[in-house]
Each structure stands twice: as C-alpha cells, then as structure tokens.
C-alpha cells in the first residue's frame, strides 16, 4: 500500500495539496483515505446498493492554486470496498461529487 500511495502522491502533488496523515487534515481538504466530507449528502445513505463502497480512497477539494473546481465550493470523493483495496483491485470504485 505504501508504494501505491507514494506513486499517487508523486503524480498528483504538483497539482493539489495531499495530506496523508488523517488526523492532521481538515474534513474539506484533499486527501487519501480518512473520513469523507460532503457539501450536500453522502450518496451511500440513500442507495443501500452503494454500501459496499465503505472506504474513502481519495477526496479532492476545490483548490484555487491550480484551478481545480467542482461546481461552486464542491468536493469529489472516490470510494472503494475495503477488501478490494487490500487486494489492490481498483476495478470497482464509486465516484461522487457535489457542490453548494
């Protein structure tokens, strides 16, 4: 997992801030893993078929420094099943974005 995380960070870091330490990040920051933030609601709450996507893989928050924007003050989340992540199987990932 560490090698994968390092590759992602090397690829994305020039464009956005990534915080890898979950406890030190704010809910709205771009990050790998941790607890997701939503500007509206968690789509998994309303669709029980999405409950299997139980782990935040990547969260991208709007970033002024690199013109990354999801609507107005939005956030994008990528979720994966915990067991799929352990197997490094990224074939089934849930993507959601919302904004104010």
C-alpha atoms as a PDB file:
ATOM      1  CA  UNK A   1       0.000   0.000   0.000  1.00  0.00           C
ATOM      2  CA  UNK A   2       2.843   2.394   0.800  1.00  0.00           C
ATOM      3  CA  UNK A   3       4.324   2.072  -2.716  1.00  0.00           C
ATOM      4  CA  UNK A   4       0.920   2.766  -4.283  1.00  0.00           C
ATOM      5  CA  UNK A   5       0.400   5.786  -2.017  1.00  0.00           C
ATOM      6  CA  UNK A   6       3.828   7.171  -2.945  1.00  0.00           C
ATOM      7  CA  UNK A   7       3.115   6.786  -6.678  1.00  0.00           C
ATOM      8  CA  UNK A   8      -0.236   8.583  -6.329  1.00  0.00           C
ATOM      9  CA  UNK A   9       1.386  11.368  -4.319  1.00  0.00           C
ATOM     10  CA  UNK A  10       4.190  11.857  -6.864  1.00  0.00           C
ATOM     11  CA  UNK A  11       1.641  12.065  -9.661  1.00  0.00           C
ATOM     12  CA  UNK A  12      -0.862  14.404  -8.009  1.00  0.00           C
ATOM     13  CA  UNK A  13       1.256  16.549  -5.678  1.00  0.00           C
ATOM     14  CA  UNK A  14       2.241  19.163  -8.293  1.00  0.00           C
ATOM     15  CA  UNK A  15      -1.433  19.971  -8.812  1.00  0.00           C
ATOM     16  CA  UNK A  16      -3.082  19.719  -5.396  1.00  0.00           C
ATOM     17  CA  UNK A  17      -2.203  19.544  -1.728  1.00  0.00           C
ATOM     18  CA  UNK A  18      -2.423  15.995  -0.418  1.00  0.00           C
ATOM     19  CA  UNK A  19      -2.339  15.306   3.295  1.00  0.00           C
ATOM     20  CA  UNK A  20      -1.542  11.714   4.114  1.00  0.00           C
ATOM     21  CA  UNK A  21      -1.968  11.949   7.865  1.00  0.00           C
ATOM     22  CA  UNK A  22      -5.690  11.569   8.508  1.00  0.00           C
ATOM     23  CA  UNK A  23      -5.677  13.104  11.988  1.00  0.00           C
ATOM     24  CA  UNK A  24      -3.981  16.294  10.826  1.00  0.00           C
ATOM     25  CA  UNK A  25      -6.296  17.097   7.916  1.00  0.00           C
ATOM     26  CA  UNK A  26      -9.374  19.227   7.911  1.00  0.00           C
ATOM     27  CA  UNK A  27     -12.523  17.469   6.657  1.00  0.00           C
ATOM     28  CA  UNK A  28     -12.598  19.565   3.476  1.00  0.00           C
ATOM     29  CA  UNK A  29      -9.006  19.143   2.359  1.00  0.00           C
ATOM     30  CA  UNK A  30      -7.844  16.946  -0.499  1.00  0.00           C
ATOM     31  CA  UNK A  31      -6.584  13.685   0.956  1.00  0.00           C
ATOM     32  CA  UNK A  32      -6.024   9.983   0.594  1.00  0.00           C
ATOM     33  CA  UNK A  33      -8.238   7.864   2.858  1.00  0.00           C
ATOM     34  CA  UNK A  34      -9.705   9.140   6.111  1.00  0.00           C
ATOM     35  CA  UNK A  35     -13.204  10.474   6.664  1.00  0.00           C
ATOM     36  CA  UNK A  36     -15.080  11.987   3.707  1.00  0.00           C
ATOM     37  CA  UNK A  37     -16.648  15.419   3.606  1.00  0.00           C
ATOM     38  CA  UNK A  38     -19.727  16.293   1.567  1.00  0.00           C
ATOM     39  CA  UNK A  39     -21.204  19.675   0.675  1.00  0.00           C
ATOM     40  CA  UNK A  40     -24.623  18.040   0.337  1.00  0.00           C
ATOM     41  CA  UNK A  41     -25.068  14.417   1.375  1.00  0.00           C
ATOM     42  CA  UNK A  42     -23.435  11.009   1.309  1.00  0.00           C
ATOM     43  CA  UNK A  43     -24.889   9.135  -1.719  1.00  0.00           C
ATOM     44  CA  UNK A  44     -24.395   5.816   0.084  1.00  0.00           C
ATOM     45  CA  UNK A  45     -27.023   6.874   2.633  1.00  0.00           C
ATOM     46  CA  UNK A  46     -29.835   6.917   0.058  1.00  0.00           C
ATOM     47  CA  UNK A  47     -28.747   3.944  -2.064  1.00  0.00           C
ATOM     48  CA  UNK A  48     -28.044   0.835   0.008  1.00  0.00           C
ATOM     49  CA  UNK A  49     -26.502  -0.825  -3.081  1.00  0.00           C
ATOM     50  CA  UNK A  50     -23.589   1.571  -2.628  1.00  0.00           C
ATOM     51  CA  UNK A  51     -22.907   0.492   0.970  1.00  0.00           C
ATOM     52  CA  UNK A  52     -20.161  -1.890  -0.186  1.00  0.00           C
ATOM     53  CA  UNK A  53     -18.013   1.168  -1.013  1.00  0.00           C
ATOM     54  CA  UNK A  54     -17.038   1.585   2.628  1.00  0.00           C
ATOM     55  CA  UNK A  55     -13.602   3.216   2.367  1.00  0.00           C
ATOM     56  CA  UNK A  56     -12.625   6.682   1.162  1.00  0.00           C
ATOM     57  CA  UNK A  57      -9.866   6.204  -1.385  1.00  0.00           C
ATOM     58  CA  UNK A  58      -9.334   9.803  -2.496  1.00  0.00           C
ATOM     59  CA  UNK A  59     -11.001  13.136  -1.817  1.00  0.00           C
ATOM     60  CA  UNK A  60     -10.373  16.175  -3.998  1.00  0.00           C
ATOM     61  CA  UNK A  61     -11.388  19.571  -2.702  1.00  0.00           C
ATOM     62  CA  UNK A  62     -11.549  22.767  -4.742  1.00  0.00           C
ATOM     63  CA  UNK A  63      -8.090  24.303  -4.995  1.00  0.00           C
ATOM     64  CA  UNK A  64      -7.620  27.922  -6.087  1.00  0.00           C
ATOM     65  CA  UNK A  65      -3.884  27.452  -6.652  1.00  0.00           C
ATOM     66  CA  UNK A  66      -4.385  25.029  -9.544  1.00  0.00           C
ATOM     67  CA  UNK A  67      -7.887  25.885 -10.790  1.00  0.00           C
ATOM     68  CA  UNK A  68      -9.397  22.636  -9.527  1.00  0.00           C
ATOM     69  CA  UNK A  69     -13.128  23.227  -9.112  1.00  0.00           C
ATOM     70  CA  UNK A  70     -16.184  21.009  -8.642  1.00  0.00           C
ATOM     71  CA  UNK A  71     -19.104  23.344  -9.173  1.00  0.00           C
ATOM     72  CA  UNK A  72     -19.146  26.067  -6.522  1.00  0.00           C
ATOM     73  CA  UNK A  73     -17.099  25.037  -3.460  1.00  0.00           C
ATOM     74  CA  UNK A  74     -17.555  21.369  -4.293  1.00  0.00           C
ATOM     75  CA  UNK A  75     -15.750  18.209  -3.347  1.00  0.00           C
ATOM     76  CA  UNK A  76     -15.148  14.950  -5.244  1.00  0.00           C
ATOM     77  CA  UNK A  77     -14.919  11.608  -3.464  1.00  0.00           C
ATOM     78  CA  UNK A  78     -13.727   8.219  -4.670  1.00  0.00           C
ATOM     79  CA  UNK A  79     -14.803   5.230  -2.567  1.00  0.00           C
ATOM     80  CA  UNK A  80     -13.713   1.605  -2.686  1.00  0.00           C
ATOM     81  CA  UNK A  81     -14.565  -1.576  -0.832  1.00  0.00           C
ATOM     82  CA  UNK A  82     -12.044  -2.210   1.945  1.00  0.00           C
ATOM     83  CA  UNK A  83     -11.343  -5.782   0.787  1.00  0.00           C
ATOM     84  CA  UNK A  84     -10.794  -4.630  -2.805  1.00  0.00           C
ATOM     85  CA  UNK A  85      -8.319  -2.038  -1.555  1.00  0.00           C
ATOM     86  CA  UNK A  86      -6.367  -4.681   0.373  1.00  0.00           C
ATOM     87  CA  UNK A  87      -6.132  -6.698  -2.860  1.00  0.00           C
ATOM     88  CA  UNK A  88      -5.206  -3.526  -4.819  1.00  0.00           C
ATOM     89  CA  UNK A  89      -8.213  -4.176  -7.057  1.00  0.00           C
ATOM     90  CA  UNK A  90      -9.324  -0.786  -8.382  1.00  0.00           C
ATOM     91  CA  UNK A  91     -11.823  -2.095 -10.937  1.00  0.00           C
ATOM     92  CA  UNK A  92     -14.858  -1.081  -8.853  1.00  0.00           C
ATOM     93  CA  UNK A  93     -14.677   2.464  -7.495  1.00  0.00           C
ATOM     94  CA  UNK A  94     -17.571   4.783  -6.655  1.00  0.00           C
ATOM     95  CA  UNK A  95     -17.137   8.404  -7.758  1.00  0.00           C
ATOM     96  CA  UNK A  96     -19.289  11.217  -6.400  1.00  0.00           C
ATOM     97  CA  UNK A  97     -19.041  14.985  -6.487  1.00  0.00           C
ATOM     98  CA  UNK A  98     -21.324  17.639  -5.145  1.00  0.00           C
ATOM     99  CA  UNK A  99     -21.266  21.368  -4.562  1.00  0.00           C
ATOM    100  CA  UNK A 100     -23.156  24.139  -2.805  1.00  0.00           C
END
